Amino acid sequence: MAFIQLLDMHSSNVDEIRKLVADYEQATEGKRTVRRSIECQDRNDPHRRIIIVFFDSYEDAMVNSQLPETEQLAARTAELLDQPPKFVDLDVLEDRTE
């Protein structure tokens, strides 16, 4: 079953976070199990981002989560946030494209 994780974060250091993510993506090429990700900006609050991360399964998400690079990214990103991030874990029950 496909799995999606939503990350809701607020930061005035978005450029630094994007740099960390770019470095992470380079360091984990061929290892990470993320299938797709979408970064969204809150139209009413430019410092709020919602990141939507797609995985083939919950198990794949856990493999990705346990990568040392993922743990390091999470720790370094947390230092740049204005408040703790919020996560929502979702099992995909149905996926339609119309």
C-alpha atoms as a PDB file:
ATOM      1  CA  MET A   1       0.000   0.000   0.000  1.00  0.00           C
ATOM      2  CA  ALA A   2       1.364   3.418  -0.946  1.00  0.00           C
ATOM      3  CA  PHE A   3       2.237   5.809   1.857  1.00  0.00           C
ATOM      4  CA  ILE A   4       2.381   9.614   2.042  1.00  0.00           C
ATOM      5  CA  GLN A   5       3.901  11.770   4.739  1.00  0.00           C
ATOM      6  CA  LEU A   6       2.998  15.434   5.171  1.00  0.00           C
ATOM      7  CA  LEU A   7       5.521  17.694   6.850  1.00  0.00           C
ATOM      8  CA  ASP A   8       4.173  21.037   8.066  1.00  0.00           C
ATOM      9  CA  MET A   9       6.956  23.434   8.988  1.00  0.00           C
ATOM     10  CA  HIS A  10       7.463  27.118   9.644  1.00  0.00           C
ATOM     11  CA  SER A  11      10.791  28.830   9.090  1.00  0.00           C
ATOM     12  CA  SER A  12      12.266  32.159   8.109  1.00  0.00           C
ATOM     13  CA  ASN A  13      15.348  30.172   6.970  1.00  0.00           C
ATOM     14  CA  VAL A  14      13.825  28.529   3.899  1.00  0.00           C
ATOM     15  CA  ASP A  15      16.861  29.094   1.667  1.00  0.00           C
ATOM     16  CA  GLU A  16      19.151  27.342   4.164  1.00  0.00           C
ATOM     17  CA  ILE A  17      16.727  24.429   4.431  1.00  0.00           C
ATOM     18  CA  ARG A  18      16.563  24.108   0.646  1.00  0.00           C
ATOM     19  CA  LYS A  19      20.370  23.943   0.568  1.00  0.00           C
ATOM     20  CA  LEU A  20      20.335  21.177   3.192  1.00  0.00           C
ATOM     21  CA  VAL A  21      17.762  19.259   1.146  1.00  0.00           C
ATOM     22  CA  ALA A  22      19.809  19.626  -2.050  1.00  0.00           C
ATOM     23  CA  ASP A  23      22.893  18.300  -0.241  1.00  0.00           C
ATOM     24  CA  TYR A  24      20.799  15.455   1.200  1.00  0.00           C
ATOM     25  CA  GLU A  25      19.456  14.496  -2.211  1.00  0.00           C
ATOM     26  CA  GLN A  26      22.967  14.355  -3.619  1.00  0.00           C
ATOM     27  CA  ALA A  27      24.280  12.327  -0.648  1.00  0.00           C
ATOM     28  CA  THR A  28      21.428   9.804  -0.798  1.00  0.00           C
ATOM     29  CA  GLU A  29      21.235   9.306  -4.569  1.00  0.00           C
ATOM     30  CA  GLY A  30      20.400   5.639  -5.141  1.00  0.00           C
ATOM     31  CA  LYS A  31      19.741   5.018  -1.415  1.00  0.00           C
ATOM     32  CA  ARG A  32      16.670   7.023  -0.502  1.00  0.00           C
ATOM     33  CA  THR A  33      13.264   5.461  -1.055  1.00  0.00           C
ATOM     34  CA  VAL A  34      11.303   8.664  -1.688  1.00  0.00           C
ATOM     35  CA  ARG A  35       9.325   8.225  -4.894  1.00  0.00           C
ATOM     36  CA  ARG A  36       8.182  11.846  -5.232  1.00  0.00           C
ATOM     37  CA  SER A  37       7.968  15.024  -3.182  1.00  0.00           C
ATOM     38  CA  ILE A  38       6.077  18.275  -3.528  1.00  0.00           C
ATOM     39  CA  GLU A  39       6.936  21.494  -1.678  1.00  0.00           C
ATOM     40  CA  CYS A  40       4.037  23.879  -1.112  1.00  0.00           C
ATOM     41  CA  GLN A  41       4.037  27.400   0.300  1.00  0.00           C
ATOM     42  CA  ASP A  42       1.134  28.734   2.333  1.00  0.00           C
ATOM     43  CA  ARG A  43      -0.370  31.555   0.289  1.00  0.00           C
ATOM     44  CA  ASN A  44      -1.125  33.523   3.482  1.00  0.00           C
ATOM     45  CA  ASP A  45       2.173  32.843   5.283  1.00  0.00           C
ATOM     46  CA  PRO A  46       5.314  32.692   3.106  1.00  0.00           C
ATOM     47  CA  HIS A  47       7.335  31.135   5.928  1.00  0.00           C
ATOM     48  CA  ARG A  48       5.046  28.112   6.189  1.00  0.00           C
ATOM     49  CA  ARG A  49       5.781  25.108   3.995  1.00  0.00           C
ATOM     50  CA  ILE A  50       3.932  21.843   3.553  1.00  0.00           C
ATOM     51  CA  ILE A  51       6.071  19.085   2.091  1.00  0.00           C
ATOM     52  CA  ILE A  52       4.239  16.075   0.631  1.00  0.00           C
ATOM     53  CA  VAL A  53       6.463  12.996   0.373  1.00  0.00           C
ATOM     54  CA  PHE A  54       5.378   9.876  -1.509  1.00  0.00           C
ATOM     55  CA  PHE A  55       6.658   6.357  -0.842  1.00  0.00           C
ATOM     56  CA  ASP A  56       5.718   2.990  -2.346  1.00  0.00           C
ATOM     57  CA  SER A  57       4.940   1.693   1.160  1.00  0.00           C
ATOM     58  CA  TYR A  58       5.167   2.497   4.852  1.00  0.00           C
ATOM     59  CA  GLU A  59       8.070   0.062   5.051  1.00  0.00           C
ATOM     60  CA  ASP A  60       9.964   2.026   2.377  1.00  0.00           C
ATOM     61  CA  ALA A  61       9.336   5.201   4.380  1.00  0.00           C
ATOM     62  CA  MET A  62      10.833   3.569   7.472  1.00  0.00           C
ATOM     63  CA  VAL A  63      13.907   2.445   5.506  1.00  0.00           C
ATOM     64  CA  ASN A  64      14.355   6.040   4.327  1.00  0.00           C
ATOM     65  CA  SER A  65      13.793   7.402   7.814  1.00  0.00           C
ATOM     66  CA  GLN A  66      16.586   5.225   9.194  1.00  0.00           C
ATOM     67  CA  LEU A  67      19.231   6.434   6.751  1.00  0.00           C
ATOM     68  CA  PRO A  68      21.940   8.320   8.672  1.00  0.00           C
ATOM     69  CA  GLU A  69      21.625  11.148   6.147  1.00  0.00           C
ATOM     70  CA  THR A  70      17.882  11.437   6.839  1.00  0.00           C
ATOM     71  CA  GLU A  71      18.481  11.603  10.583  1.00  0.00           C
ATOM     72  CA  GLN A  72      21.138  14.274  10.038  1.00  0.00           C
ATOM     73  CA  LEU A  73      18.859  16.281   7.727  1.00  0.00           C
ATOM     74  CA  ALA A  74      16.041  16.177  10.302  1.00  0.00           C
ATOM     75  CA  ALA A  75      18.336  17.359  13.094  1.00  0.00           C
ATOM     76  CA  ARG A  76      19.886  20.170  11.062  1.00  0.00           C
ATOM     77  CA  THR A  77      16.508  21.291   9.708  1.00  0.00           C
ATOM     78  CA  ALA A  78      14.990  21.361  13.207  1.00  0.00           C
ATOM     79  CA  GLU A  79      17.615  23.927  14.197  1.00  0.00           C
ATOM     80  CA  LEU A  80      16.341  26.250  11.442  1.00  0.00           C
ATOM     81  CA  LEU A  81      12.627  25.995  12.220  1.00  0.00           C
ATOM     82  CA  ASP A  82      10.654  28.618  14.126  1.00  0.00           C
ATOM     83  CA  GLN A  83       8.624  25.900  15.854  1.00  0.00           C
ATOM     84  CA  PRO A  84       8.629  22.091  15.918  1.00  0.00           C
ATOM     85  CA  PRO A  85       7.460  20.461  12.681  1.00  0.00           C
ATOM     86  CA  LYS A  86       4.190  18.557  12.458  1.00  0.00           C
ATOM     87  CA  PHE A  87       3.927  15.232  10.648  1.00  0.00           C
ATOM     88  CA  VAL A  88       0.881  13.447   9.251  1.00  0.00           C
ATOM     89  CA  ASP A  89       1.281   9.820   8.139  1.00  0.00           C
ATOM     90  CA  LEU A  90      -1.207   8.632   5.520  1.00  0.00           C
ATOM     91  CA  ASP A  91      -1.909   5.233   3.985  1.00  0.00           C
ATOM     92  CA  VAL A  92      -3.199   5.686   0.445  1.00  0.00           C
ATOM     93  CA  LEU A  93      -6.543   3.929   0.085  1.00  0.00           C
ATOM     94  CA  GLU A  94      -7.350   5.147  -3.392  1.00  0.00           C
ATOM     95  CA  ASP A  95      -5.398   7.095  -6.011  1.00  0.00           C
ATOM     96  CA  ARG A  96      -7.215   8.459  -9.067  1.00  0.00           C
ATOM     97  CA  THR A  97      -6.135  10.667 -11.896  1.00  0.00           C
ATOM     98  CA  GLU A  98      -8.876  12.294 -13.906  1.00  0.00           C
END
